[in-house]
C-alpha atoms as a PDB file:
ATOM      1  CA  MET A   1      38.793   0.587 106.425  1.00  0.00           C
ATOM      2  CA  ILE A   2      40.389   3.904 105.487  1.00  0.00           C
ATOM      3  CA  SER A   3      43.585   4.833 107.304  1.00  0.00           C
ATOM      4  CA  GLU A   4      44.014   8.096 109.189  1.00  0.00           C
ATOM      5  CA  ALA A   5      46.661   9.252 106.695  1.00  0.00           C
ATOM      6  CA  GLU A   6      44.265   8.654 103.773  1.00  0.00           C
ATOM      7  CA  TYR A   7      41.436  10.381 105.636  1.00  0.00           C
ATOM      8  CA  LEU A   8      43.555  13.461 106.346  1.00  0.00           C
ATOM      9  CA  LYS A   9      44.847  13.595 102.793  1.00  0.00           C
ATOM     10  CA  ASN A  10      41.311  14.008 101.498  1.00  0.00           C
ATOM     11  CA  TYR A  11      39.958  16.049 104.404  1.00  0.00           C
ATOM     12  CA  ASP A  12      38.389  19.353 103.338  1.00  0.00           C
ATOM     13  CA  ALA A  13      38.127  21.799 106.234  1.00  0.00           C
ATOM     14  CA  SER A  14      36.219  24.282 104.066  1.00  0.00           C
ATOM     15  CA  ARG A  15      33.116  22.079 104.341  1.00  0.00           C
ATOM     16  CA  PHE A  16      32.551  23.461 107.829  1.00  0.00           C
ATOM     17  CA  PRO A  17      31.955  27.166 108.461  1.00  0.00           C
ATOM     18  CA  ALA A  18      34.671  28.571 110.733  1.00  0.00           C
ATOM     19  CA  PRO A  19      34.105  31.309 113.311  1.00  0.00           C
ATOM     20  CA  LEU A  20      36.418  34.277 113.735  1.00  0.00           C
ATOM     21  CA  VAL A  21      38.946  33.336 116.435  1.00  0.00           C
ATOM     22  CA  THR A  22      40.986  35.917 118.332  1.00  0.00           C
ATOM     23  CA  VAL A  23      42.900  36.338 121.583  1.00  0.00           C
ATOM     24  CA  ASP A  24      42.414  39.366 123.858  1.00  0.00           C
ATOM     25  CA  SER A  25      44.247  40.280 127.051  1.00  0.00           C
ATOM     26  CA  VAL A  26      43.271  42.398 130.039  1.00  0.00           C
ATOM     27  CA  LEU A  27      46.513  43.863 131.365  1.00  0.00           C
ATOM     28  CA  PHE A  28      46.243  45.580 134.748  1.00  0.00           C
ATOM     29  CA  THR A  29      48.658  47.893 136.533  1.00  0.00           C
ATOM     30  CA  LEU A  30      48.618  50.410 139.357  1.00  0.00           C
ATOM     31  CA  HIS A  31      49.405  54.056 138.693  1.00  0.00           C
ATOM     32  CA  GLN A  32      48.891  57.125 140.856  1.00  0.00           C
ATOM     33  CA  GLY A  33      46.761  55.184 143.308  1.00  0.00           C
ATOM     34  CA  ALA A  34      44.391  53.755 140.695  1.00  0.00           C
ATOM     35  CA  LEU A  35      43.898  50.360 139.096  1.00  0.00           C
ATOM     36  CA  CYS A  36      44.385  50.811 135.349  1.00  0.00           C
ATOM     37  CA  VAL A  37      43.923  48.648 132.270  1.00  0.00           C
ATOM     38  CA  LEU A  38      45.822  48.852 128.982  1.00  0.00           C
ATOM     39  CA  MET A  39      43.611  49.893 126.064  1.00  0.00           C
ATOM     40  CA  VAL A  40      44.394  50.237 122.371  1.00  0.00           C
ATOM     41  CA  LYS A  41      42.616  52.619 119.994  1.00  0.00           C
ATOM     42  CA  ARG A  42      41.363  50.782 116.908  1.00  0.00           C
ATOM     43  CA  ALA A  43      42.929  52.212 113.752  1.00  0.00           C
ATOM     44  CA  SER A  44      40.617  50.476 111.283  1.00  0.00           C
ATOM     45  CA  GLN A  45      37.104  49.123 110.901  1.00  0.00           C
ATOM     46  CA  PRO A  46      35.118  47.554 112.397  1.00  0.00           C
ATOM     47  CA  GLN A  47      34.482  49.981 115.254  1.00  0.00           C
ATOM     48  CA  GLN A  48      37.313  52.256 114.184  1.00  0.00           C
ATOM     49  CA  GLY A  49      38.278  54.844 116.783  1.00  0.00           C
ATOM     50  CA  ARG A  50      36.946  52.875 119.741  1.00  0.00           C
ATOM     51  CA  TRP A  51      39.148  51.617 122.549  1.00  0.00           C
ATOM     52  CA  GLY A  52      39.707  47.889 122.796  1.00  0.00           C
ATOM     53  CA  LEU A  53      41.887  45.334 124.506  1.00  0.00           C
ATOM     54  CA  PRO A  54      45.295  44.457 123.077  1.00  0.00           C
ATOM     55  CA  GLY A  55      44.894  41.319 121.037  1.00  0.00           C
ATOM     56  CA  GLY A  56      44.110  40.027 117.597  1.00  0.00           C
ATOM     57  CA  PHE A  57      44.090  36.990 115.395  1.00  0.00           C
ATOM     58  CA  ILE A  58      46.272  33.977 116.071  1.00  0.00           C
ATOM     59  CA  ASP A  59      49.354  33.740 113.864  1.00  0.00           C
ATOM     60  CA  ILE A  60      49.339  30.002 113.188  1.00  0.00           C
ATOM     61  CA  ALA A  61      52.860  30.191 111.721  1.00  0.00           C
ATOM     62  CA  ARG A  62      54.316  31.737 114.900  1.00  0.00           C
ATOM     63  CA  ASP A  63      52.027  31.057 117.845  1.00  0.00           C
ATOM     64  CA  THR A  64      52.098  27.625 119.463  1.00  0.00           C
ATOM     65  CA  SER A  65      49.090  28.400 121.690  1.00  0.00           C
ATOM     66  CA  THR A  66      46.652  31.154 122.606  1.00  0.00           C
ATOM     67  CA  ARG A  67      48.975  31.947 125.516  1.00  0.00           C
ATOM     68  CA  ALA A  68      51.767  32.566 123.005  1.00  0.00           C
ATOM     69  CA  THR A  69      49.461  34.892 121.071  1.00  0.00           C
ATOM     70  CA  ALA A  70      48.574  36.798 124.220  1.00  0.00           C
ATOM     71  CA  LEU A  71      52.221  37.190 125.218  1.00  0.00           C
ATOM     72  CA  ARG A  72      53.225  38.282 121.718  1.00  0.00           C
ATOM     73  CA  LYS A  73      50.522  40.930 121.535  1.00  0.00           C
ATOM     74  CA  LEU A  74      51.219  42.249 125.029  1.00  0.00           C
ATOM     75  CA  THR A  75      54.954  42.413 124.388  1.00  0.00           C
ATOM     76  CA  GLU A  76      54.355  44.317 121.143  1.00  0.00           C
ATOM     77  CA  LYS A  77      52.314  46.928 123.003  1.00  0.00           C
ATOM     78  CA  THR A  78      54.280  47.196 126.257  1.00  0.00           C
ATOM     79  CA  GLY A  79      57.812  46.115 125.400  1.00  0.00           C
ATOM     80  CA  VAL A  80      57.636  43.748 128.392  1.00  0.00           C
ATOM     81  CA  SER A  81      56.522  40.132 128.697  1.00  0.00           C
ATOM     82  CA  PRO A  82      54.327  39.815 131.809  1.00  0.00           C
ATOM     83  CA  SER A  83      55.792  37.454 134.378  1.00  0.00           C
ATOM     84  CA  TRP A  84      52.287  36.391 135.408  1.00  0.00           C
ATOM     85  CA  LEU A  85      49.541  35.610 132.894  1.00  0.00           C
ATOM     86  CA  GLU A  86      46.424  33.477 133.382  1.00  0.00           C
ATOM     87  CA  GLN A  87      43.614  32.396 131.097  1.00  0.00           C
ATOM     88  CA  LEU A  88      40.330  34.070 131.976  1.00  0.00           C
ATOM     89  CA  ASP A  89      37.532  32.627 129.832  1.00  0.00           C
ATOM     90  CA  THR A  90      36.209  32.195 126.300  1.00  0.00           C
ATOM     91  CA  PHE A  91      33.679  34.731 125.023  1.00  0.00           C
ATOM     92  CA  SER A  92      31.671  33.770 121.968  1.00  0.00           C
ATOM     93  CA  GLY A  93      28.524  34.339 119.973  1.00  0.00           C
ATOM     94  CA  PRO A  94      27.034  35.788 116.773  1.00  0.00           C
ATOM     95  CA  GLN A  95      26.504  39.306 118.150  1.00  0.00           C
ATOM     96  CA  ARG A  96      29.886  40.246 119.598  1.00  0.00           C
ATOM     97  CA  ASP A  97      31.568  41.114 116.255  1.00  0.00           C
ATOM     98  CA  PRO A  98      29.799  42.661 113.229  1.00  0.00           C
ATOM     99  CA  ARG A  99      31.996  40.571 110.898  1.00  0.00           C
ATOM    100  CA  GLY A 100      30.260  37.374 111.996  1.00  0.00           C
ATOM    101  CA  TRP A 101      30.138  34.582 114.567  1.00  0.00           C
ATOM    102  CA  SER A 102      33.257  34.928 116.681  1.00  0.00           C
ATOM    103  CA  LEU A 103      35.035  33.746 119.778  1.00  0.00           C
ATOM    104  CA  THR A 104      37.937  35.146 121.716  1.00  0.00           C
ATOM    105  CA  VAL A 105      40.104  33.447 124.303  1.00  0.00           C
ATOM    106  CA  ALA A 106      40.702  36.043 127.004  1.00  0.00           C
ATOM    107  CA  TRP A 107      43.725  36.238 129.277  1.00  0.00           C
ATOM    108  CA  TYR A 108      44.534  38.608 132.113  1.00  0.00           C
ATOM    109  CA  ALA A 109      47.806  39.741 133.633  1.00  0.00           C
ATOM    110  CA  LEU A 110      49.462  42.145 136.044  1.00  0.00           C
ATOM    111  CA  ILE A 111      52.521  44.250 135.355  1.00  0.00           C
ATOM    112  CA  ALA A 112      54.462  47.010 137.077  1.00  0.00           C
ATOM    113  CA  TRP A 113      53.697  50.398 135.527  1.00  0.00           C
ATOM    114  CA  ALA A 114      57.344  51.494 135.647  1.00  0.00           C
ATOM    115  CA  ASP A 115      58.464  48.492 133.585  1.00  0.00           C
ATOM    116  CA  CYS A 116      56.560  49.533 130.473  1.00  0.00           C
ATOM    117  CA  ALA A 117      55.940  53.274 130.953  1.00  0.00           C
ATOM    118  CA  PRO A 118      58.668  54.383 128.479  1.00  0.00           C
ATOM    119  CA  HIS A 119      57.356  52.061 125.767  1.00  0.00           C
ATOM    120  CA  ILE A 120      53.725  53.078 126.253  1.00  0.00           C
ATOM    121  CA  ALA A 121      54.708  56.740 126.098  1.00  0.00           C
ATOM    122  CA  SER A 122      56.188  56.153 122.633  1.00  0.00           C
ATOM    123  CA  VAL A 123      53.146  54.321 121.217  1.00  0.00           C
ATOM    124  CA  SER A 124      50.341  56.587 120.021  1.00  0.00           C
ATOM    125  CA  ASP A 125      47.536  54.011 120.007  1.00  0.00           C
ATOM    126  CA  ALA A 126      48.000  52.522 123.491  1.00  0.00           C
ATOM    127  CA  ARG A 127      47.013  54.080 126.807  1.00  0.00           C
ATOM    128  CA  TRP A 128      46.573  53.124 130.441  1.00  0.00           C
ATOM    129  CA  ILE A 129      43.027  53.990 131.490  1.00  0.00           C
ATOM    130  CA  ALA A 130      41.770  53.858 135.075  1.00  0.00           C
ATOM    131  CA  VAL A 131      39.144  51.157 135.522  1.00  0.00           C
ATOM    132  CA  SER A 132      36.879  53.775 137.136  1.00  0.00           C
ATOM    133  CA  GLU A 133      37.017  55.873 133.929  1.00  0.00           C
ATOM    134  CA  LEU A 134      36.117  53.131 131.434  1.00  0.00           C
ATOM    135  CA  GLU A 135      32.402  53.886 131.530  1.00  0.00           C
ATOM    136  CA  LYS A 136      33.145  57.321 130.075  1.00  0.00           C
ATOM    137  CA  ILE A 137      34.646  56.041 126.804  1.00  0.00           C
ATOM    138  CA  GLU A 138      33.365  53.969 123.891  1.00  0.00           C
ATOM    139  CA  LEU A 139      34.695  50.430 124.066  1.00  0.00           C
ATOM    140  CA  ALA A 140      34.942  48.049 121.126  1.00  0.00           C
ATOM    141  CA  PHE A 141      32.935  44.849 120.809  1.00  0.00           C
ATOM    142  CA  ASP A 142      32.176  43.203 124.191  1.00  0.00           C
ATOM    143  CA  HIS A 143      35.460  44.285 125.740  1.00  0.00           C
ATOM    144  CA  GLY A 144      33.683  46.039 128.594  1.00  0.00           C
ATOM    145  CA  ALA A 145      32.195  42.720 129.700  1.00  0.00           C
ATOM    146  CA  ILE A 146      35.583  41.005 129.355  1.00  0.00           C
ATOM    147  CA  ILE A 147      37.232  43.645 131.539  1.00  0.00           C
ATOM    148  CA  GLN A 148      34.561  43.296 134.207  1.00  0.00           C
ATOM    149  CA  ALA A 149      35.022  39.512 134.232  1.00  0.00           C
ATOM    150  CA  ALA A 150      38.787  39.970 134.562  1.00  0.00           C
ATOM    151  CA  LEU A 151      38.357  42.500 137.360  1.00  0.00           C
ATOM    152  CA  HIS A 152      36.092  40.105 139.268  1.00  0.00           C
ATOM    153  CA  ARG A 153      38.622  37.263 138.831  1.00  0.00           C
ATOM    154  CA  LEU A 154      41.512  39.527 139.852  1.00  0.00           C
ATOM    155  CA  ARG A 155      39.755  40.488 143.066  1.00  0.00           C
ATOM    156  CA  GLN A 156      38.810  36.909 143.844  1.00  0.00           C
ATOM    157  CA  LYS A 157      42.384  35.762 143.252  1.00  0.00           C
ATOM    158  CA  THR A 158      43.679  38.575 145.453  1.00  0.00           C
ATOM    159  CA  MET A 159      41.492  37.287 148.293  1.00  0.00           C
ATOM    160  CA  TYR A 160      43.348  33.978 148.260  1.00  0.00           C
ATOM    161  CA  SER A 161      46.889  34.939 147.213  1.00  0.00           C
ATOM    162  CA  LEU A 162      49.505  37.702 147.116  1.00  0.00           C
ATOM    163  CA  LEU A 163      48.954  38.310 143.416  1.00  0.00           C
ATOM    164  CA  PRO A 164      49.249  42.140 143.725  1.00  0.00           C
ATOM    165  CA  ALA A 165      53.015  41.683 144.145  1.00  0.00           C
ATOM    166  CA  TYR A 166      53.200  41.281 140.367  1.00  0.00           C
ATOM    167  CA  CYS A 167      52.247  44.903 139.747  1.00  0.00           C
ATOM    168  CA  LEU A 168      54.892  46.283 142.112  1.00  0.00           C
ATOM    169  CA  PRO A 169      58.431  47.391 141.229  1.00  0.00           C
ATOM    170  CA  GLU A 170      61.240  44.835 141.368  1.00  0.00           C
ATOM    171  CA  THR A 171      61.888  45.769 145.005  1.00  0.00           C
ATOM    172  CA  PHE A 172      59.118  46.911 147.310  1.00  0.00           C
ATOM    173  CA  THR A 173      58.059  47.310 150.924  1.00  0.00           C
ATOM    174  CA  GLN A 174      55.331  45.411 152.714  1.00  0.00           C
ATOM    175  CA  SER A 175      53.392  48.675 152.957  1.00  0.00           C
ATOM    176  CA  GLN A 176      53.454  48.991 149.165  1.00  0.00           C
ATOM    177  CA  LEU A 177      52.053  45.476 148.876  1.00  0.00           C
ATOM    178  CA  GLN A 178      49.291  46.357 151.321  1.00  0.00           C
ATOM    179  CA  GLU A 179      48.445  49.508 149.384  1.00  0.00           C
ATOM    180  CA  ALA A 180      48.320  47.596 146.087  1.00  0.00           C
ATOM    181  CA  THR A 181      46.075  44.948 147.637  1.00  0.00           C
ATOM    182  CA  GLU A 182      43.685  47.558 149.019  1.00  0.00           C
ATOM    183  CA  ILE A 183      43.479  49.407 145.687  1.00  0.00           C
ATOM    184  CA  ILE A 184      42.633  46.198 143.822  1.00  0.00           C
ATOM    185  CA  LEU A 185      40.055  45.101 146.393  1.00  0.00           C
ATOM    186  CA  GLY A 186      38.652  48.599 146.848  1.00  0.00           C
ATOM    187  CA  GLN A 187      38.714  48.277 150.633  1.00  0.00           C
ATOM    188  CA  SER A 188      41.041  48.231 153.625  1.00  0.00           C
ATOM    189  CA  ILE A 189      42.614  45.041 154.955  1.00  0.00           C
ATOM    190  CA  GLN A 190      44.202  44.050 158.248  1.00  0.00           C
ATOM    191  CA  ARG A 191      47.958  44.548 158.030  1.00  0.00           C
ATOM    192  CA  LYS A 192      48.671  41.662 160.423  1.00  0.00           C
ATOM    193  CA  SER A 193      46.706  39.287 158.172  1.00  0.00           C
ATOM    194  CA  LEU A 194      48.712  40.356 155.132  1.00  0.00           C
ATOM    195  CA  ILE A 195      52.031  39.993 156.958  1.00  0.00           C
ATOM    196  CA  ARG A 196      51.114  36.466 158.103  1.00  0.00           C
ATOM    197  CA  ARG A 197      50.439  35.519 154.515  1.00  0.00           C
ATOM    198  CA  PHE A 198      53.560  37.269 153.316  1.00  0.00           C
ATOM    199  CA  GLU A 199      55.726  35.235 155.686  1.00  0.00           C
ATOM    200  CA  ALA A 200      53.902  31.949 155.045  1.00  0.00           C
ATOM    201  CA  SER A 201      53.906  32.198 151.250  1.00  0.00           C
ATOM    202  CA  GLY A 202      57.627  31.577 150.738  1.00  0.00           C
ATOM    203  CA  MET A 203      57.436  33.829 147.681  1.00  0.00           C
ATOM    204  CA  PHE A 204      59.706  36.657 148.830  1.00  0.00           C
ATOM    205  CA  GLU A 205      63.235  37.361 149.992  1.00  0.00           C
ATOM    206  CA  GLU A 206      64.898  40.358 151.580  1.00  0.00           C
ATOM    207  CA  THR A 207      67.223  42.463 149.456  1.00  0.00           C
ATOM    208  CA  GLY A 208      69.313  43.581 152.426  1.00  0.00           C
ATOM    209  CA  GLU A 209      68.358  47.161 151.683  1.00  0.00           C
ATOM    210  CA  SER A 210      65.836  49.545 153.186  1.00  0.00           C
ATOM    211  CA  VAL A 211      64.089  52.761 152.271  1.00  0.00           C
ATOM    212  CA  ALA A 212      63.123  55.736 154.406  1.00  0.00           C
ATOM    213  CA  THR A 213      59.406  55.966 155.163  1.00  0.00           C
ATOM    214  CA  GLY A 214      58.926  59.034 157.308  1.00  0.00           C
ATOM    215  CA  ALA A 215      60.833  58.671 160.579  1.00  0.00           C
ATOM    216  CA  ARG A 216      61.420  54.954 160.063  1.00  0.00           C
ATOM    217  CA  LYS A 217      63.071  52.700 157.509  1.00  0.00           C
ATOM    218  CA  ALA A 218      61.274  49.854 155.798  1.00  0.00           C
ATOM    219  CA  ARG A 219      62.936  46.723 154.495  1.00  0.00           C
ATOM    220  CA  LEU A 220      62.900  46.122 150.762  1.00  0.00           C
ATOM    221  CA  TRP A 221      61.754  42.767 149.420  1.00  0.00           C
ATOM    222  CA  ARG A 222      61.613  41.064 146.037  1.00  0.00           C
ATOM    223  CA  ARG A 223      59.917  38.036 144.554  1.00  0.00           C
ATOM    224  CA  LYS A 224      62.052  34.901 144.516  1.00  0.00           C
ATOM    225  CA  PRO A 225      62.880  33.734 140.998  1.00  0.00           C
ATOM    226  CA  ASN A 226      60.782  30.904 139.545  1.00  0.00           C
ATOM    227  CA  VAL A 227      58.388  30.793 142.497  1.00  0.00           C
ATOM    228  CA  ASP A 228      54.696  30.215 141.776  1.00  0.00           C
ATOM    229  CA  ILE A 229      51.840  32.018 143.491  1.00  0.00           C
ATOM    230  CA  HIS A 230      50.958  30.485 146.847  1.00  0.00           C
ATOM    231  CA  LEU A 231      47.220  29.965 147.246  1.00  0.00           C
ATOM    232  CA  PHE A 232      45.669  30.170 150.709  1.00  0.00           C
ATOM    233  CA  SER A 233      42.594  28.238 151.809  1.00  0.00           C
ATOM    234  CA  ARG A 234      41.041  31.197 153.620  1.00  0.00           C
ATOM    235  CA  ASN A 235      39.712  34.487 152.325  1.00  0.00           C
ATOM    236  CA  LEU A 236      42.030  37.373 153.226  1.00  0.00           C
ATOM    237  CA  LEU A 237      39.144  39.342 154.701  1.00  0.00           C
ATOM    238  CA  ALA A 238      38.201  36.386 156.901  1.00  0.00           C
ATOM    239  CA  ASP A 239      41.631  36.100 158.537  1.00  0.00           C
END
């Protein structure tokens, strides 16, 4: 019987056709009252000049996982490593890339616009585009379908968590969290339901500071360090 070491020594991976394998990320933020996604203009073929998601091929010498690839690519484009990143799905098939049979592992994330605005402003090929405006531009490959899948997952996750907190500034008010939640969901929510979840989540702490909001002052909050997202059993709209 041949040993594993002997088998691997003589193993020839070229006997099996390999698909193109990439990683793409859907990075969301809120800006000027709109949900936006980071897009990158393709500088070379295929589909040169079209807008696509930040991503690319895995660097097997540097990346220990597809998550590492996603973080590396997002950091290169934004100057910031997202504090929340989740795997979305795998998209594959012979028609999605003209170079051949391909698959991409897609991730999605949220980030505060202010954190990366200076970096984005200095990069000519990257731009925040409102989700509502995407249908007006030419998108590369199947990235439109990937964005729609990420948007659906983002909204579903928002129904059962306080995920929108990750696209807010470091300190924020409860009203800002409500506004972010309503923009992502595309509909109004009951403030009392959100506050109940806010208090029950254990994710936030007061800063001891407040900010003027009209005739009143609102307390400023921040996310606690190293605290995971709290998932609720009930839909936010059902509370």
